[in-house]
């Protein structure tokens, strides 16, 4: 019984320790790296937006045909 309680008590300690080690290893991106990440995210937004636009563009007439154009 005591071993089970000790294992349960160690879980938050291990989580906090691992989290603090992870944060210590992380570094802030420099300006060049930040610009590259921002460009990649921006391109992703544009691509996903274009895909969504074309799907909606195709969906509206197909939906009107299927529903009967009421």
N, C-alpha and C. Protein backbone atom coordinates (compact mmCIF):
# COMPACT_ATOMS: atom_id res chain seq x y z
N UNK A 1 0.82 -1.19 0.00
CA UNK A 1 0.00 0.00 0.00
C UNK A 1 0.87 1.25 0.00
N UNK A 2 1.91 1.24 0.78
CA UNK A 2 2.80 2.39 0.87
C UNK A 2 3.55 2.62 -0.44
N UNK A 3 3.91 1.51 -1.12
CA UNK A 3 4.61 1.64 -2.40
C UNK A 3 3.71 2.28 -3.45
N UNK A 4 2.44 1.90 -3.47
CA UNK A 4 1.51 2.49 -4.43
C UNK A 4 1.35 3.99 -4.18
N UNK A 5 1.24 4.37 -2.91
CA UNK A 5 1.11 5.78 -2.58
C UNK A 5 2.37 6.55 -2.98
N UNK A 6 3.52 5.94 -2.76
CA UNK A 6 4.79 6.59 -3.10
C UNK A 6 4.90 6.78 -4.62
N UNK A 7 4.46 5.77 -5.39
CA UNK A 7 4.49 5.90 -6.85
C UNK A 7 3.56 7.02 -7.30
N UNK A 8 2.38 7.12 -6.70
CA UNK A 8 1.45 8.19 -7.06
C UNK A 8 1.99 9.56 -6.66
N UNK A 9 2.71 9.63 -5.56
CA UNK A 9 3.28 10.90 -5.11
C UNK A 9 4.45 11.31 -5.99
N UNK A 10 5.14 10.35 -6.60
CA UNK A 10 6.30 10.67 -7.45
C UNK A 10 5.89 11.19 -8.82
N UNK A 11 4.66 10.90 -9.27
CA UNK A 11 4.25 11.31 -10.63
C UNK A 11 4.29 12.83 -10.78
N UNK A 12 3.69 13.62 -9.89
CA UNK A 12 3.77 15.09 -10.07
C UNK A 12 5.21 15.61 -9.97
N UNK A 13 6.01 15.01 -9.08
CA UNK A 13 7.40 15.45 -8.94
C UNK A 13 8.15 15.22 -10.25
N UNK A 14 7.98 14.04 -10.84
CA UNK A 14 8.66 13.74 -12.11
C UNK A 14 8.18 14.67 -13.22
N UNK A 15 6.88 14.96 -13.23
CA UNK A 15 6.33 15.85 -14.26
C UNK A 15 6.94 17.24 -14.14
N UNK A 16 7.01 17.76 -12.94
CA UNK A 16 7.57 19.10 -12.73
C UNK A 16 9.06 19.11 -13.07
N UNK A 17 9.78 18.07 -12.69
CA UNK A 17 11.21 18.01 -12.98
C UNK A 17 11.45 17.95 -14.48
N UNK A 18 10.72 17.08 -15.18
CA UNK A 18 10.88 16.97 -16.63
C UNK A 18 10.48 18.27 -17.32
N UNK A 19 9.42 18.90 -16.85
CA UNK A 19 8.98 20.17 -17.44
C UNK A 19 10.01 21.26 -17.26
N UNK A 20 10.60 21.35 -16.07
CA UNK A 20 11.59 22.40 -15.84
C UNK A 20 12.86 22.15 -16.66
N UNK A 21 13.26 20.89 -16.83
CA UNK A 21 14.41 20.59 -17.68
C UNK A 21 14.12 20.97 -19.13
N UNK A 22 12.90 20.71 -19.59
CA UNK A 22 12.53 21.06 -20.96
C UNK A 22 12.58 22.57 -21.17
N UNK A 23 12.04 23.33 -20.22
CA UNK A 23 12.03 24.79 -20.35
C UNK A 23 13.45 25.35 -20.32
N UNK A 24 14.31 24.76 -19.51
CA UNK A 24 15.70 25.24 -19.45
C UNK A 24 16.43 24.99 -20.76
N UNK A 25 16.09 23.90 -21.46
CA UNK A 25 16.74 23.59 -22.73
C UNK A 25 16.23 24.43 -23.89
N UNK A 26 15.01 24.96 -23.76
CA UNK A 26 14.43 25.74 -24.85
C UNK A 26 15.17 27.07 -25.00
N UNK A 27 15.30 27.50 -26.25
CA UNK A 27 15.94 28.78 -26.52
C UNK A 27 14.98 29.66 -27.30
N UNK A 28 15.12 30.94 -27.14
CA UNK A 28 14.29 31.91 -27.86
C UNK A 28 14.83 32.00 -29.29
N UNK A 29 13.94 31.98 -30.29
CA UNK A 29 14.45 32.06 -31.67
C UNK A 29 15.01 33.45 -31.97
N UNK A 30 16.05 33.47 -32.81
CA UNK A 30 16.57 34.77 -33.23
C UNK A 30 15.66 35.34 -34.32
N UNK A 31 15.97 36.53 -34.79
CA UNK A 31 15.07 37.22 -35.72
C UNK A 31 14.90 36.46 -37.02
N UNK A 32 15.99 35.92 -37.55
CA UNK A 32 15.93 35.19 -38.82
C UNK A 32 15.06 33.94 -38.70
N UNK A 33 15.24 33.21 -37.59
CA UNK A 33 14.46 32.00 -37.37
C UNK A 33 12.98 32.34 -37.16
N UNK A 34 12.70 33.43 -36.46
CA UNK A 34 11.33 33.85 -36.23
C UNK A 34 10.65 34.22 -37.54
N UNK A 35 11.36 34.91 -38.41
CA UNK A 35 10.79 35.31 -39.71
C UNK A 35 10.51 34.07 -40.55
N UNK A 36 11.40 33.09 -40.52
CA UNK A 36 11.19 31.84 -41.27
C UNK A 36 9.95 31.10 -40.76
N UNK A 37 9.81 31.01 -39.46
CA UNK A 37 8.65 30.33 -38.87
C UNK A 37 7.38 31.08 -39.23
N UNK A 38 7.42 32.41 -39.15
CA UNK A 38 6.24 33.22 -39.48
C UNK A 38 5.85 33.05 -40.95
N UNK A 39 6.83 32.99 -41.84
CA UNK A 39 6.54 32.79 -43.26
C UNK A 39 5.92 31.42 -43.49
N UNK A 40 6.44 30.40 -42.82
CA UNK A 40 5.89 29.05 -42.98
C UNK A 40 4.45 28.99 -42.48
N UNK A 41 4.18 29.62 -41.34
CA UNK A 41 2.81 29.64 -40.81
C UNK A 41 1.89 30.42 -41.73
N UNK A 42 2.37 31.55 -42.25
CA UNK A 42 1.58 32.35 -43.18
C UNK A 42 1.24 31.59 -44.45
N UNK A 43 2.21 30.87 -44.99
CA UNK A 43 1.96 30.05 -46.19
C UNK A 43 0.95 28.95 -45.88
N UNK A 44 1.04 28.38 -44.72
CA UNK A 44 0.08 27.35 -44.32
C UNK A 44 -1.33 27.91 -44.25
N UNK A 45 -1.47 29.10 -43.67
CA UNK A 45 -2.78 29.76 -43.62
C UNK A 45 -3.32 30.01 -45.03
N UNK A 46 -2.45 30.53 -45.91
CA UNK A 46 -2.89 30.82 -47.27
C UNK A 46 -3.31 29.56 -48.01
N UNK A 47 -2.53 28.51 -47.88
CA UNK A 47 -2.85 27.26 -48.57
C UNK A 47 -4.14 26.66 -48.05
N UNK A 48 -4.27 26.59 -46.72
CA UNK A 48 -5.50 26.03 -46.15
C UNK A 48 -6.71 26.90 -46.49
N UNK A 49 -6.55 28.20 -46.52
CA UNK A 49 -7.64 29.09 -46.90
C UNK A 49 -8.05 28.88 -48.35
N UNK A 50 -7.07 28.73 -49.24
CA UNK A 50 -7.38 28.51 -50.65
C UNK A 50 -8.09 27.17 -50.84
N UNK A 51 -7.64 26.14 -50.15
CA UNK A 51 -8.29 24.83 -50.25
C UNK A 51 -9.73 24.93 -49.76
N UNK A 52 -9.94 25.59 -48.63
CA UNK A 52 -11.29 25.75 -48.10
C UNK A 52 -12.17 26.55 -49.04
N UNK A 53 -11.61 27.59 -49.66
CA UNK A 53 -12.38 28.43 -50.59
C UNK A 53 -12.82 27.61 -51.79
N UNK A 54 -11.91 26.84 -52.38
CA UNK A 54 -12.27 26.06 -53.56
C UNK A 54 -13.25 24.93 -53.22
N UNK A 55 -13.11 24.34 -52.06
CA UNK A 55 -14.08 23.31 -51.65
C UNK A 55 -15.46 23.93 -51.49
N UNK A 56 -15.52 25.12 -50.86
CA UNK A 56 -16.81 25.79 -50.70
C UNK A 56 -17.36 26.22 -52.06
N UNK A 57 -16.50 26.65 -52.96
CA UNK A 57 -16.91 27.06 -54.29
C UNK A 57 -17.54 25.90 -55.06
N UNK A 58 -17.01 24.71 -54.88
CA UNK A 58 -17.55 23.52 -55.54
C UNK A 58 -18.78 23.02 -54.79
N UNK A 59 -18.79 23.15 -53.47
CA UNK A 59 -19.87 22.60 -52.65
C UNK A 59 -21.20 23.32 -52.88
N UNK A 60 -21.17 24.64 -53.07
CA UNK A 60 -22.42 25.41 -53.19
C UNK A 60 -23.24 24.96 -54.40
N UNK A 61 -22.68 24.90 -55.63
CA UNK A 61 -23.50 24.45 -56.76
C UNK A 61 -23.94 22.98 -56.63
N UNK A 62 -23.06 22.13 -56.12
CA UNK A 62 -23.43 20.71 -55.96
C UNK A 62 -24.56 20.60 -54.96
N UNK A 63 -24.50 21.34 -53.88
CA UNK A 63 -25.56 21.32 -52.88
C UNK A 63 -26.87 21.82 -53.46
N UNK A 64 -26.83 22.85 -54.27
CA UNK A 64 -28.05 23.38 -54.90
C UNK A 64 -28.65 22.35 -55.86
N UNK A 65 -27.82 21.62 -56.57
CA UNK A 65 -28.31 20.59 -57.48
C UNK A 65 -28.98 19.46 -56.70
N UNK A 66 -28.32 19.03 -55.61
CA UNK A 66 -28.85 17.92 -54.82
C UNK A 66 -30.12 18.30 -54.07
N UNK A 67 -30.17 19.49 -53.52
CA UNK A 67 -31.33 19.92 -52.74
C UNK A 67 -32.48 20.28 -53.66
N UNK A 68 -32.18 20.75 -54.86
CA UNK A 68 -33.24 21.05 -55.82
C UNK A 68 -33.39 22.54 -56.08
N UNK A 69 -32.45 23.33 -55.60
CA UNK A 69 -32.48 24.75 -55.89
C UNK A 69 -33.68 25.48 -55.35
N UNK A 70 -34.12 25.12 -54.16
CA UNK A 70 -35.33 25.72 -53.60
C UNK A 70 -35.17 27.14 -53.24
